[in-house]
Amino acid sequence: MFFIYRILINLIILFSPLIILLRILKKKEDKYRFKEKFCFFSKKRGVGKLIWFHGSSVGEILSVIPLIEKLEKDSSINKILITSSTLSSSKVLSKFKLKKTIHQFFPVDSNFLSKKFLNYWKPSIAVFIESEIWPNMIFNIKKKSIPLLLLNARITNKSYNRWKNILPSSKSLFKNFDICFVQNKETKSYLKNLGAKNIRSIGNLKFSESKEQKNNNIDIKLKKIFKSKKIWCAASTHNSEEKISALVHKKLKKKYKNLLTIIIPRHVQRRENIINEIKDLDLRVQTRSENSKIKINTDIYLVDTYGESKSFYKVCNTVFLGGSLINRGGQNPLEPARFGCKVLHGPYVQNFTEVYELLKKNNLSSKFHNIDQLVYLINKSFIKKKNFKKKVVKLKKIGSNILDKTLTEIKFYL
């Protein structure tokens, strides 16, 4: 099975110039740094102990930032390398004040490139986040006897069924992890069936939070405008969810003339399409990147910049979290919940089942199925504002405990 995989990877490398060009044109690739994916590194390794974390995109990287902030204080660690695959994750990472930490793009998972990557960086430990499983890299890590951890592991039912179809190959792959720290019960069961040998549950690392993000505040003038408006936020939205949010705005605007809807799309490169969708509904849209005063007649404030979600959660009481009206499994609801926001979500939140169960139990989330139900919930939040301060403290305490346990485990393998 892995022989076929290696052939396919080599074919991808063969066609990579065309693939990269198309991705650059779509603004999904860094036109200068894409070479890192072929092991032309833009940073020096330096000397001493290096810890390596790898996550696919924004969510995975953000989940380990609190851990990395603590590890940076460890004098025995000289450098922390973070790799990811997406442009958005590299831009979000630049928002943090990290001194020892550098970012590079994860290489194409060929046998040759994975060996070249490991020979250059020589990590003391390799930590893969959530569901990042790259066969060539994993096999080569183990050949070098580098401790390999799967952190905050999450295997969905869909991906489990795919791995199960090639069970002998899956078992030969998953057994290479020295330990897997799972974020839910479902993943623990799946990993056991897939051949992982050492599995522990210490909680979902996404409960923890960073305290050192740069530019995490909205300027005073903007805050004053927000205070004069009825505002709600649609965050981490995917295709079609922005249009739904705009339609909700139209319905609510009949009652609230000073309404302002903030939309924070999951992928900002879709900016032009979103703007056109909103304008087609005869609504006025203004973008964050314009960096100008919000006009009095603006309907939708489109946040087309990276890493600013927290700033807007601070001024909103109600957040519709995207990826939940389409069958994507939802996005992480803990960040808005930590800021005291009531999280509204569609029916598709299977990626965060246990997290949403906790939020629902504490009245921090509500589910809806259609536009009218969403309108009702937002209107309800405008009429009766609730103080979730005690519940927010509880969430932070859970996150702090999980972070401390994770730090202890990581240091054991160092």
Protein backbone atom coordinates (compact mmCIF):
# COMPACT_ATOMS: atom_id res chain seq x y z
CA MET A 1 0.00 0.00 0.00
CA PHE A 2 2.75 2.47 0.91
CA PHE A 3 4.57 1.60 -2.32
CA ILE A 4 1.56 2.99 -4.24
CA TYR A 5 1.52 6.03 -1.92
CA ARG A 6 5.16 6.78 -2.73
CA ILE A 7 4.48 6.56 -6.47
CA LEU A 8 1.58 9.03 -6.12
CA ILE A 9 3.70 11.45 -4.07
CA ASN A 10 6.44 11.37 -6.72
CA LEU A 11 3.84 12.13 -9.40
CA ILE A 12 2.70 15.14 -7.37
CA ILE A 13 6.29 16.38 -7.24
CA LEU A 14 6.52 15.96 -11.02
CA PHE A 15 3.48 18.22 -11.53
CA SER A 16 4.31 20.50 -8.61
CA PRO A 17 5.45 23.55 -10.66
CA LEU A 18 1.97 23.81 -12.20
CA ILE A 19 0.23 23.09 -8.88
CA ILE A 20 2.29 25.73 -7.06
CA LEU A 21 1.68 28.32 -9.79
CA LEU A 22 -2.08 27.81 -9.61
CA ARG A 23 -2.00 28.05 -5.81
CA ILE A 24 0.03 31.29 -5.97
CA LEU A 25 -2.52 32.78 -8.40
CA LYS A 26 -5.31 31.80 -6.00
CA LYS A 27 -3.33 33.40 -3.13
CA LYS A 28 -3.09 30.06 -1.31
CA GLU A 29 0.70 29.90 -1.47
CA ASP A 30 3.53 32.22 -0.48
CA LYS A 31 5.29 33.18 -3.72
CA TYR A 32 8.65 33.44 -1.94
CA ARG A 33 8.47 30.73 0.70
CA PHE A 34 6.82 27.88 -1.26
CA LYS A 35 10.34 26.51 -1.81
CA GLU A 36 10.36 25.39 1.83
CA LYS A 37 7.95 22.62 0.79
CA PHE A 38 10.82 21.23 -1.30
CA CYS A 39 13.37 21.59 1.52
CA PHE A 40 14.93 24.88 0.42
CA PHE A 41 14.88 26.28 3.93
CA SER A 42 14.62 30.01 4.70
CA LYS A 43 15.77 29.70 8.36
CA LYS A 44 18.95 28.41 9.99
CA ARG A 45 18.79 25.50 12.39
CA GLY A 46 21.40 26.79 14.83
CA VAL A 47 22.88 24.65 17.60
CA GLY A 48 21.35 22.92 20.62
CA LYS A 49 18.10 21.16 21.37
CA LEU A 50 15.27 21.69 18.86
CA ILE A 51 11.64 20.68 19.41
CA TRP A 52 9.44 20.26 16.34
CA PHE A 53 5.65 20.72 16.23
CA HIS A 54 3.64 20.04 13.09
CA GLY A 55 0.00 20.96 12.48
CA SER A 56 -1.98 21.23 9.30
CA SER A 57 -3.46 24.72 9.54
CA VAL A 58 -4.67 27.55 11.78
CA GLY A 59 -6.68 25.54 14.32
CA GLU A 60 -3.94 23.03 15.04
CA ILE A 61 -1.25 25.69 15.35
CA LEU A 62 -3.32 27.90 17.65
CA SER A 63 -4.03 24.92 19.93
CA VAL A 64 -0.33 24.50 20.78
CA ILE A 65 0.63 28.18 21.12
CA PRO A 66 -0.03 28.23 24.91
CA LEU A 67 2.20 25.16 25.25
CA ILE A 68 4.93 26.71 23.11
CA GLU A 69 4.82 29.93 25.15
CA LYS A 70 5.64 27.87 28.25
CA LEU A 71 8.33 25.80 26.50
CA GLU A 72 10.06 28.99 25.34
CA LYS A 73 10.86 29.68 29.02
CA ASP A 74 12.78 26.39 29.30
CA SER A 75 16.49 27.25 29.10
CA SER A 76 17.39 23.72 27.93
CA ILE A 77 15.47 24.28 24.69
CA ASN A 78 17.36 26.31 22.08
CA LYS A 79 14.81 26.42 19.28
CA ILE A 80 11.21 25.46 18.56
CA LEU A 81 10.26 24.67 14.98
CA ILE A 82 6.64 24.87 13.89
CA THR A 83 5.65 23.51 10.49
CA SER A 84 2.27 23.76 8.80
CA SER A 85 0.86 23.40 5.31
CA THR A 86 -1.22 26.54 4.80
CA LEU A 87 -0.47 30.19 4.14
CA SER A 88 -3.08 31.35 6.68
CA SER A 89 -1.37 29.45 9.52
CA SER A 90 1.97 31.13 8.81
CA LYS A 91 0.32 34.57 8.89
CA VAL A 92 -1.55 33.87 12.12
CA LEU A 93 1.66 32.66 13.78
CA SER A 94 3.35 36.00 13.03
CA LYS A 95 0.85 37.66 15.41
CA PHE A 96 2.54 36.11 18.45
CA LYS A 97 5.59 37.34 20.38
CA LEU A 98 7.71 34.20 20.17
CA LYS A 99 11.49 34.49 20.56
CA LYS A 100 12.80 30.96 20.11
CA THR A 101 10.12 29.80 17.68
CA ILE A 102 10.39 29.77 13.88
CA HIS A 103 7.98 28.66 11.18
CA GLN A 104 8.62 26.67 8.02
CA PHE A 105 6.21 25.00 5.61
CA PHE A 106 5.93 21.23 5.90
CA PRO A 107 7.69 19.45 3.00
CA VAL A 108 5.98 17.33 0.42
CA ASP A 109 5.87 13.86 1.99
CA SER A 110 8.25 12.07 -0.35
CA ASN A 111 10.84 9.66 1.02
CA PHE A 112 13.71 11.83 -0.25
CA LEU A 113 12.36 15.16 1.04
CA SER A 114 11.37 13.83 4.45
CA LYS A 115 14.91 12.48 4.93
CA LYS A 116 16.40 15.78 3.82
CA PHE A 117 14.12 17.67 6.26
CA LEU A 118 15.13 15.49 9.22
CA ASN A 119 18.84 15.63 8.36
CA TYR A 120 18.72 19.43 8.33
CA TRP A 121 16.59 20.12 11.41
CA LYS A 122 17.68 17.15 13.57
CA PRO A 123 14.76 17.48 16.03
CA SER A 124 15.12 16.09 19.56
CA ILE A 125 11.41 15.30 19.54
CA ALA A 126 8.66 15.37 16.86
CA VAL A 127 5.11 16.32 17.85
CA PHE A 128 2.32 15.88 15.32
CA ILE A 129 -0.96 17.64 16.13
CA GLU A 130 -4.48 16.20 15.86
CA SER A 131 -4.75 14.11 12.68
CA GLU A 132 -1.53 14.86 10.82
CA ILE A 133 -0.40 11.46 9.57
CA TRP A 134 2.34 11.49 6.90
CA PRO A 135 3.72 7.98 6.22
CA ASN A 136 7.15 8.76 4.74
CA MET A 137 7.95 11.31 7.42
CA ILE A 138 6.74 9.03 10.22
CA PHE A 139 8.77 6.02 9.02
CA ASN A 140 11.90 8.15 8.65
CA ILE A 141 11.44 9.71 12.10
CA LYS A 142 11.41 6.25 13.63
CA LYS A 143 14.47 5.15 11.64
CA LYS A 144 16.33 7.97 13.38
CA SER A 145 14.94 6.95 16.79
CA ILE A 146 13.41 10.40 17.36
CA PRO A 147 10.58 10.34 19.95
CA LEU A 148 7.29 10.77 18.06
CA LEU A 149 4.13 12.06 19.78
CA LEU A 150 0.60 12.57 18.48
CA LEU A 151 -0.76 15.49 20.47
CA ASN A 152 -4.43 16.40 20.94
CA ALA A 153 -5.21 13.52 18.59
CA ARG A 154 -8.52 13.59 16.76
CA ILE A 155 -9.71 10.89 14.38
CA THR A 156 -13.16 11.41 12.86
CA ASN A 157 -15.48 8.56 11.95
CA LYS A 158 -14.92 9.33 8.27
CA SER A 159 -11.10 9.19 8.47
CA TYR A 160 -11.25 6.11 10.74
CA ASN A 161 -13.23 4.21 8.10
CA ARG A 162 -10.62 5.14 5.49
CA TRP A 163 -7.76 3.90 7.67
CA LYS A 164 -9.73 0.76 8.56
CA ASN A 165 -9.97 -0.16 4.86
CA ILE A 166 -6.18 -0.58 4.81
CA LEU A 167 -5.86 -1.96 8.33
CA PRO A 168 -2.55 -3.88 7.99
CA SER A 169 -0.87 -0.75 6.58
CA SER A 170 -2.56 1.47 9.18
CA LYS A 171 -1.28 -0.69 12.04
CA SER A 172 2.28 -0.60 10.69
CA LEU A 173 2.01 3.21 10.62
CA PHE A 174 0.25 4.08 13.89
CA LYS A 175 2.43 1.77 16.00
CA ASN A 176 5.33 4.19 15.34
CA PHE A 177 3.94 6.80 17.73
CA ASP A 178 5.61 6.57 21.13
CA ILE A 179 2.46 7.99 22.71
CA CYS A 180 -0.86 9.46 21.54
CA PHE A 181 -2.65 12.06 23.67
CA VAL A 182 -6.30 12.05 22.61
CA GLN A 183 -8.84 14.86 22.89
CA ASN A 184 -11.95 12.64 23.06
CA LYS A 185 -13.17 9.11 23.84
CA GLU A 186 -14.03 8.34 20.23
CA THR A 187 -10.46 8.95 19.08
CA LYS A 188 -9.08 6.76 21.87
CA SER A 189 -11.15 3.82 20.62
CA TYR A 190 -10.25 4.44 16.96
CA LEU A 191 -6.51 4.69 17.61
CA LYS A 192 -6.52 1.48 19.62
CA ASN A 193 -8.16 -0.34 16.69
CA LEU A 194 -5.67 1.22 14.26
CA GLY A 195 -2.67 -0.15 16.11
CA ALA A 196 -1.50 2.69 18.35
CA LYS A 197 0.19 1.13 21.40
CA ASN A 198 0.36 3.88 24.01
CA ILE A 199 -2.76 6.06 24.32
CA ARG A 200 -3.56 8.57 27.05
CA SER A 201 -6.37 11.03 27.65
CA ILE A 202 -5.45 14.28 29.39
CA GLY A 203 -8.10 16.53 27.82
CA ASN A 204 -8.51 18.76 24.79
CA LEU A 205 -5.62 21.23 24.53
CA LYS A 206 -7.96 23.68 22.78
CA PHE A 207 -9.38 24.54 26.22
CA SER A 208 -6.09 26.35 26.95
CA GLU A 209 -5.38 29.85 25.69
CA SER A 210 -2.52 32.13 24.74
CA LYS A 211 -1.92 35.32 26.68
CA GLU A 212 0.68 36.95 24.47
CA GLN A 213 -0.88 37.61 21.06
CA LYS A 214 0.13 40.90 19.47
CA ASN A 215 -2.35 43.44 18.07
CA ASN A 216 -5.19 41.79 19.94
CA ASN A 217 -7.17 44.96 20.61
CA ILE A 218 -9.54 47.06 18.55
CA ASP A 219 -8.73 50.77 18.49
CA ILE A 220 -10.77 53.13 20.68
CA LYS A 221 -12.61 54.82 17.76
CA LEU A 222 -13.83 51.46 16.48
CA LYS A 223 -14.93 50.43 19.98
CA LYS A 224 -17.02 53.60 20.28
CA ILE A 225 -18.77 52.81 17.00
CA PHE A 226 -19.47 49.26 18.15
CA LYS A 227 -21.01 50.56 21.38
CA SER A 228 -23.49 52.63 19.37
CA LYS A 229 -24.58 49.56 17.35
CA LYS A 230 -26.42 46.31 17.86
CA ILE A 231 -23.70 43.85 16.83
CA TRP A 232 -23.34 40.13 16.38
CA CYS A 233 -20.61 38.09 14.74
CA ALA A 234 -20.47 35.24 12.20
CA ALA A 235 -17.00 33.67 12.56
CA SER A 236 -15.01 30.93 10.81
CA THR A 237 -17.62 30.90 8.06
CA HIS A 238 -17.37 28.74 4.95
CA ASN A 239 -18.89 29.06 1.49
CA SER A 240 -22.67 29.79 1.65
CA GLU A 241 -22.55 30.65 5.36
CA GLU A 242 -21.67 34.30 4.67
CA LYS A 243 -24.74 34.64 2.47
CA ILE A 244 -26.90 33.06 5.18
CA SER A 245 -25.45 35.54 7.71
CA ALA A 246 -26.25 38.42 5.35
CA LEU A 247 -29.84 37.18 4.96
CA VAL A 248 -30.14 37.04 8.76
CA HIS A 249 -28.92 40.64 8.86
CA LYS A 250 -31.67 41.71 6.43
CA LYS A 251 -34.34 40.15 8.63
CA LEU A 252 -32.97 41.65 11.85
CA LYS A 253 -32.50 45.07 10.26
CA LYS A 254 -36.29 45.47 10.05
CA LYS A 255 -36.29 45.69 13.84
CA TYR A 256 -32.82 47.14 14.57
CA LYS A 257 -31.87 50.09 12.35
CA ASN A 258 -28.45 50.41 14.00
CA LEU A 259 -27.54 46.77 13.33
CA LEU A 260 -24.00 45.82 12.35
CA THR A 261 -23.03 42.27 11.41
CA ILE A 262 -19.37 41.27 11.65
CA ILE A 263 -18.34 38.42 9.35
CA ILE A 264 -14.96 36.69 9.83
CA PRO A 265 -14.53 34.11 7.03
CA ARG A 266 -12.44 31.00 7.58
CA HIS A 267 -10.53 31.65 4.35
CA VAL A 268 -9.93 35.35 3.62
CA GLN A 269 -8.83 34.65 0.05
CA ARG A 270 -12.56 34.25 -0.72
CA ARG A 271 -12.93 37.98 0.03
CA GLU A 272 -14.10 39.14 -3.42
CA ASN A 273 -16.73 36.42 -3.76
CA ILE A 274 -18.11 37.22 -0.32
CA ILE A 275 -18.27 40.96 -1.07
CA ASN A 276 -20.15 40.29 -4.32
CA GLU A 277 -22.62 37.96 -2.55
CA ILE A 278 -23.37 40.62 0.04
CA LYS A 279 -23.75 43.40 -2.52
CA ASP A 280 -26.13 41.21 -4.54
CA LEU A 281 -28.42 41.26 -1.49
CA ASP A 282 -28.42 45.07 -1.63
CA LEU A 283 -26.39 45.38 1.55
CA ARG A 284 -23.46 47.72 2.19
CA VAL A 285 -20.19 45.99 3.04
CA GLN A 286 -16.98 47.45 4.43
CA THR A 287 -13.73 45.52 4.87
CA ARG A 288 -11.33 45.49 7.82
CA SER A 289 -8.32 45.86 5.50
CA GLU A 290 -9.59 49.29 4.40
CA ASN A 291 -8.64 50.44 7.91
CA SER A 292 -11.10 53.33 7.75
CA LYS A 293 -13.91 54.55 10.00
CA ILE A 294 -17.07 52.46 9.77
CA LYS A 295 -19.66 54.38 7.79
CA ILE A 296 -23.02 54.99 9.40
CA ASN A 297 -24.84 53.02 6.69
CA THR A 298 -22.53 49.96 6.72
CA ASP A 299 -24.44 46.69 7.11
CA ILE A 300 -21.65 44.12 7.06
CA TYR A 301 -18.14 44.58 8.45
CA LEU A 302 -16.02 41.94 6.71
CA VAL A 303 -12.85 41.01 8.62
CA ASP A 304 -10.53 40.06 5.74
CA THR A 305 -7.38 40.03 7.88
CA TYR A 306 -5.62 37.22 9.71
CA GLY A 307 -5.60 36.42 13.42
CA GLU A 308 -8.01 39.08 14.72
CA SER A 309 -10.98 36.94 15.79
CA LYS A 310 -10.24 37.40 19.51
CA SER A 311 -10.44 41.17 19.17
CA PHE A 312 -14.00 40.93 17.88
CA TYR A 313 -15.09 38.28 20.37
CA LYS A 314 -14.24 40.81 23.07
CA VAL A 315 -16.93 43.21 21.81
CA CYS A 316 -19.61 40.67 20.78
CA ASN A 317 -22.01 38.82 23.04
CA THR A 318 -23.27 36.49 20.34
CA VAL A 319 -21.27 34.49 17.77
CA PHE A 320 -22.52 32.18 15.05
CA LEU A 321 -19.67 29.73 14.48
CA GLY A 322 -19.35 28.49 10.91
CA GLY A 323 -18.51 25.13 9.41
CA SER A 324 -21.66 23.93 11.14
CA LEU A 325 -24.38 24.70 8.59
CA ILE A 326 -22.50 22.71 5.98
CA ASN A 327 -21.25 19.20 6.69
CA ARG A 328 -17.70 20.09 7.77
CA GLY A 329 -18.02 19.10 11.40
CA GLY A 330 -17.80 22.61 12.86
CA GLN A 331 -14.95 24.80 14.11
CA ASN A 332 -13.51 25.14 17.62
CA PRO A 333 -16.11 26.96 19.77
CA LEU A 334 -13.89 27.40 22.81
CA GLU A 335 -12.26 30.67 21.76
CA PRO A 336 -15.50 32.72 21.56
CA ALA A 337 -16.86 30.92 24.66
CA ARG A 338 -13.78 31.96 26.66
CA PHE A 339 -14.64 35.59 25.93
CA GLY A 340 -18.15 35.16 27.32
CA CYS A 341 -19.89 34.87 23.96
CA LYS A 342 -22.96 32.70 23.46
CA VAL A 343 -22.03 30.33 20.62
CA LEU A 344 -24.73 29.60 18.05
CA HIS A 345 -24.15 26.69 15.70
CA GLY A 346 -25.77 24.57 13.00
CA PRO A 347 -26.36 20.80 13.22
CA TYR A 348 -22.94 19.69 11.92
CA VAL A 349 -20.55 19.86 14.88
CA GLN A 350 -19.34 16.25 15.00
CA ASN A 351 -15.68 17.35 15.18
CA PHE A 352 -16.34 18.91 18.60
CA THR A 353 -19.08 16.71 20.08
CA GLU A 354 -17.70 16.57 23.63
CA VAL A 355 -16.80 20.27 23.70
CA TYR A 356 -20.30 21.28 22.61
CA GLU A 357 -21.84 18.96 25.20
CA LEU A 358 -19.93 20.86 27.90
CA LEU A 359 -20.92 24.27 26.46
CA LYS A 360 -24.58 23.25 26.16
CA LYS A 361 -24.57 21.98 29.75
CA ASN A 362 -23.36 25.44 30.86
CA ASN A 363 -25.82 27.29 28.59
CA LEU A 364 -22.94 28.68 26.52
CA SER A 365 -24.19 27.35 23.18
CA SER A 366 -27.41 26.86 21.21
CA LYS A 367 -28.16 24.85 18.09
CA PHE A 368 -30.29 26.04 15.18
CA HIS A 369 -31.32 24.50 11.86
CA ASN A 370 -32.47 27.39 9.67
CA ILE A 371 -32.33 31.16 9.16
CA ASP A 372 -35.47 31.91 11.17
CA GLN A 373 -34.15 30.03 14.20
CA LEU A 374 -30.84 31.93 13.98
CA VAL A 375 -32.72 35.24 13.76
CA TYR A 376 -34.73 34.26 16.85
CA LEU A 377 -31.60 33.39 18.88
CA ILE A 378 -29.75 36.59 17.97
CA ASN A 379 -32.83 38.71 18.71
CA LYS A 380 -33.15 36.94 22.07
CA SER A 381 -29.53 37.79 22.90
CA PHE A 382 -30.17 41.47 22.10
CA ILE A 383 -33.22 41.59 24.38
CA LYS A 384 -31.78 39.67 27.31
CA LYS A 385 -28.02 39.93 27.76
CA LYS A 386 -26.48 37.34 30.06
CA ASN A 387 -23.34 37.43 32.15
CA PHE A 388 -21.27 34.29 31.65
CA LYS A 389 -18.31 35.44 33.79
CA LYS A 390 -18.40 32.50 36.25
CA LYS A 391 -18.71 29.99 33.42
CA VAL A 392 -15.80 31.60 31.58
CA VAL A 393 -13.63 31.26 34.71
CA LYS A 394 -14.57 27.57 34.82
CA LEU A 395 -13.49 27.08 31.18
CA LYS A 396 -10.19 28.82 31.83
CA LYS A 397 -9.51 26.60 34.86
CA ILE A 398 -10.13 23.47 32.77
CA GLY A 399 -7.76 24.79 30.10
CA SER A 400 -5.04 25.63 32.61
CA ASN A 401 -5.12 22.11 34.10
CA ILE A 402 -4.92 20.47 30.66
CA LEU A 403 -2.03 22.72 29.67
CA ASP A 404 -0.04 21.88 32.82
CA LYS A 405 -0.55 18.13 32.31
CA THR A 406 0.48 18.37 28.65
CA LEU A 407 3.61 20.34 29.53
CA THR A 408 4.63 17.69 32.07
CA GLU A 409 4.20 14.92 29.49
CA ILE A 410 6.19 16.76 26.79
CA LYS A 411 9.06 17.43 29.18
CA PHE A 412 9.18 13.74 30.11
CA TYR A 413 10.00 12.90 26.48
CA LEU A 414 12.66 15.61 26.35
